Protein backbone atom coordinates (compact mmCIF):
# COMPACT_ATOMS: atom_id res chain seq x y z
CA MET A 1 0.00 0.00 0.00
CA LYS A 2 1.33 3.38 -0.99
CA LEU A 3 0.59 6.56 0.95
CA ASN A 4 0.71 9.50 -1.39
CA LYS A 5 -1.51 12.18 0.05
CA LEU A 6 -2.64 13.66 3.33
CA PRO A 7 -6.08 12.76 4.66
CA PRO A 8 -8.83 15.38 4.30
CA ILE A 9 -9.19 17.78 7.24
CA THR A 10 -12.52 16.19 8.20
CA ALA A 11 -10.73 12.85 8.69
CA VAL A 12 -8.11 14.55 10.85
CA GLN A 13 -10.78 16.30 12.94
CA SER A 14 -12.83 13.14 13.39
CA SER A 15 -9.75 11.12 14.33
CA LEU A 16 -8.57 13.75 16.78
CA ARG A 17 -11.98 13.96 18.46
CA ALA A 18 -12.10 10.16 18.80
CA ALA A 19 -8.58 10.06 20.23
CA VAL A 20 -9.29 12.79 22.79
CA ALA A 21 -12.69 11.37 23.84
CA ALA A 22 -11.42 7.80 24.09
CA GLY A 23 -8.25 8.74 25.92
CA ALA A 24 -10.15 10.91 28.39
CA ALA A 25 -12.79 8.21 28.95
CA ALA A 26 -10.17 5.53 29.58
CA GLY A 27 -8.19 7.84 31.86
CA ILE A 28 -11.23 8.77 33.94
CA ALA A 29 -12.30 5.12 34.10
CA LYS A 30 -8.86 4.19 35.46
CA VAL A 31 -8.95 6.97 38.06
CA LEU A 32 -12.43 5.82 39.13
CA GLN A 33 -11.07 2.25 39.23
CA PHE A 34 -13.62 0.87 36.80
CA GLU A 35 -13.17 -2.83 36.17
CA TYR A 36 -12.65 -2.55 32.40
CA PRO A 37 -11.72 0.98 31.22
CA ILE A 38 -11.53 -0.33 27.66
CA HIS A 39 -15.33 -0.28 27.48
CA ALA A 40 -15.33 3.46 28.21
CA LEU A 41 -12.78 3.93 25.43
CA MET A 42 -14.82 1.84 22.99
CA GLY A 43 -18.06 3.58 23.95
CA ALA A 44 -16.52 6.95 23.10
CA VAL A 45 -15.30 5.82 19.68
CA LEU A 46 -18.55 4.01 18.84
CA VAL A 47 -20.77 7.03 19.36
CA LEU A 48 -18.69 9.73 17.71
CA GLU A 49 -19.96 10.97 14.39
CA LEU A 50 -18.07 13.08 11.86
CA SER A 51 -20.44 15.91 12.73
CA PRO A 52 -20.23 17.09 16.36
CA ARG A 53 -23.87 18.16 16.12
CA ARG A 54 -24.91 14.66 15.04
CA THR A 55 -22.98 13.15 17.98
CA ARG A 56 -25.04 15.29 20.37
CA GLU A 57 -28.33 14.58 18.57
CA LEU A 58 -27.83 10.82 18.85
CA ALA A 59 -26.56 10.85 22.46
CA VAL A 60 -29.95 10.03 24.00
CA GLN A 61 -30.51 7.16 21.56
CA ARG A 62 -27.05 5.81 22.35
CA LEU A 63 -27.77 5.99 26.09
CA LEU A 64 -31.04 4.12 25.52
CA GLY A 65 -29.14 1.57 23.45
CA THR A 66 -26.70 1.06 26.30
CA LEU A 67 -29.53 0.34 28.73
CA LEU A 68 -31.37 -1.86 26.24
CA GLY A 69 -28.25 -3.86 25.41
CA ALA A 70 -27.34 -4.35 29.06
CA GLY A 71 -30.84 -5.57 29.89
CA ILE A 72 -31.03 -7.95 26.96
CA GLY A 73 -27.54 -9.27 27.65
CA ALA A 74 -28.36 -9.91 31.30
CA LEU A 75 -31.69 -11.58 30.46
CA LEU A 76 -30.12 -13.83 27.82
CA SER A 77 -27.41 -14.84 30.26
CA TYR A 78 -29.89 -17.09 32.04
CA PRO A 79 -31.01 -19.39 29.22
CA LEU A 80 -27.86 -19.23 27.09
CA PRO A 81 -24.36 -20.39 27.99
CA SER A 82 -21.64 -17.82 27.37
CA GLY A 83 -20.11 -18.24 23.94
CA PRO A 84 -20.31 -17.23 20.28
CA LEU A 85 -23.95 -18.28 19.87
CA ALA A 86 -25.08 -16.27 22.90
CA ILE A 87 -23.09 -13.25 21.69
CA GLY A 88 -24.67 -13.45 18.24
CA ILE A 89 -28.19 -13.87 19.61
CA GLY A 90 -27.64 -10.99 22.06
CA ILE A 91 -26.40 -8.64 19.36
CA LEU A 92 -29.16 -9.64 16.94
CA THR A 93 -31.89 -9.24 19.55
CA ALA A 94 -30.64 -5.89 20.86
CA MET A 95 -30.15 -4.38 17.42
CA LEU A 96 -33.47 -5.59 16.02
CA LEU A 97 -35.32 -4.39 19.11
CA SER A 98 -33.69 -0.96 18.75
CA TYR A 99 -35.04 -0.69 15.21
CA MET A 100 -38.47 -2.01 16.23
CA LEU A 101 -38.66 0.58 19.04
CA GLY A 102 -37.88 3.37 16.58
CA ILE A 103 -34.44 4.21 17.97
CA PRO A 104 -32.10 3.23 15.12
CA GLY A 105 -29.30 5.37 16.56
CA ALA A 106 -29.25 2.98 19.52
CA ALA A 107 -28.70 -0.20 17.50
CA LYS A 108 -24.89 -0.34 17.33
CA VAL A 109 -24.39 0.46 20.99
CA ALA A 110 -27.21 -1.88 22.08
CA GLY A 111 -25.65 -4.72 20.12
CA TYR A 112 -22.18 -3.98 21.46
CA VAL A 113 -23.26 -3.81 25.11
CA SER A 114 -25.47 -6.88 24.83
CA GLY A 115 -22.61 -8.82 23.26
CA ILE A 116 -20.11 -7.93 25.97
CA VAL A 117 -22.61 -8.68 28.73
CA VAL A 118 -23.44 -12.19 27.48
CA MET A 119 -19.80 -12.86 26.63
CA ALA A 120 -18.52 -12.96 30.20
CA TYR A 121 -21.08 -12.37 32.91
CA GLY A 122 -19.97 -14.93 35.50
CA SER A 123 -22.52 -15.71 38.18
CA THR A 124 -23.83 -12.13 38.39
CA PRO A 125 -25.21 -11.05 35.01
CA TRP A 126 -27.03 -7.97 36.34
CA LEU A 127 -23.96 -6.67 38.16
CA HIS A 128 -21.91 -7.30 35.03
CA ALA A 129 -24.53 -5.45 32.95
CA TYR A 130 -24.50 -2.53 35.37
CA ARG A 131 -20.71 -2.22 35.25
CA ARG A 132 -20.56 -2.38 31.44
CA THR A 133 -23.34 0.21 31.31
CA THR A 134 -21.43 2.55 33.62
CA GLU A 135 -18.26 2.22 31.54
CA THR A 136 -20.08 2.73 28.24
CA VAL A 137 -22.04 5.73 29.55
CA LEU A 138 -18.74 7.34 30.57
CA GLY A 139 -17.51 6.88 26.99
CA ILE A 140 -20.71 8.37 25.56
CA GLY A 141 -20.41 11.30 27.93
CA MET A 142 -16.84 12.00 26.86
CA ALA A 143 -17.83 11.83 23.18
CA VAL A 144 -20.58 14.36 23.79
CA ALA A 145 -18.24 16.58 25.82
CA VAL A 146 -15.64 16.56 23.03
CA SER A 147 -18.36 17.42 20.51
CA PHE A 148 -18.65 20.84 22.18
CA VAL A 149 -15.02 21.71 21.43
CA PRO A 150 -14.92 24.09 18.44
CA LYS A 151 -14.05 22.46 15.18
CA LEU A 152 -10.58 22.98 13.77
CA LEU A 153 -10.03 25.30 10.85
CA GLY A 154 -13.73 26.18 10.50
CA VAL A 155 -14.60 23.27 8.20
CA ASP A 156 -18.38 23.10 7.85
CA LEU A 157 -20.30 19.90 7.33
CA PRO A 158 -23.84 19.90 5.87
CA SER A 159 -25.32 18.65 9.15
CA ASP A 160 -23.58 21.43 11.10
CA ALA A 161 -25.15 24.30 9.16
CA GLU A 162 -27.46 25.26 12.04
CA GLU A 163 -24.68 25.32 14.67
CA LYS A 164 -23.42 28.81 13.85
């Protein structure tokens, strides 16, 4: 693979926002002694959109997706043994339910959280779901916080037209 040009400024801005939000989320999670700070990091990256405005608009749906995914993951932990099949069923169920409930912006996060909850819940699926929810919500919060930082170089995106 040959690199012969610089990425567009929107790619740089998006990458920088993701790096700052994820790094801050992981750092705060470590300070708060969360069990798995990586989920805060992943939550931040998952919810960031190229448009800061869009990140903020979808924040509530992503929070609902986190709660939905945690609940589905915990519920499925009872009838299904942890493993690839349970992960797949958890993701499928959480994502489809997000769409059926009319919150499509929640689907990716719901699937992600459900998958990690059914993957390794131990003997306490609801406690595991609560902890993954807390970590993911921290990541979402950091993504939203970073979305308020002014954009670099004044590059406007179509979905940001009303922000000025």
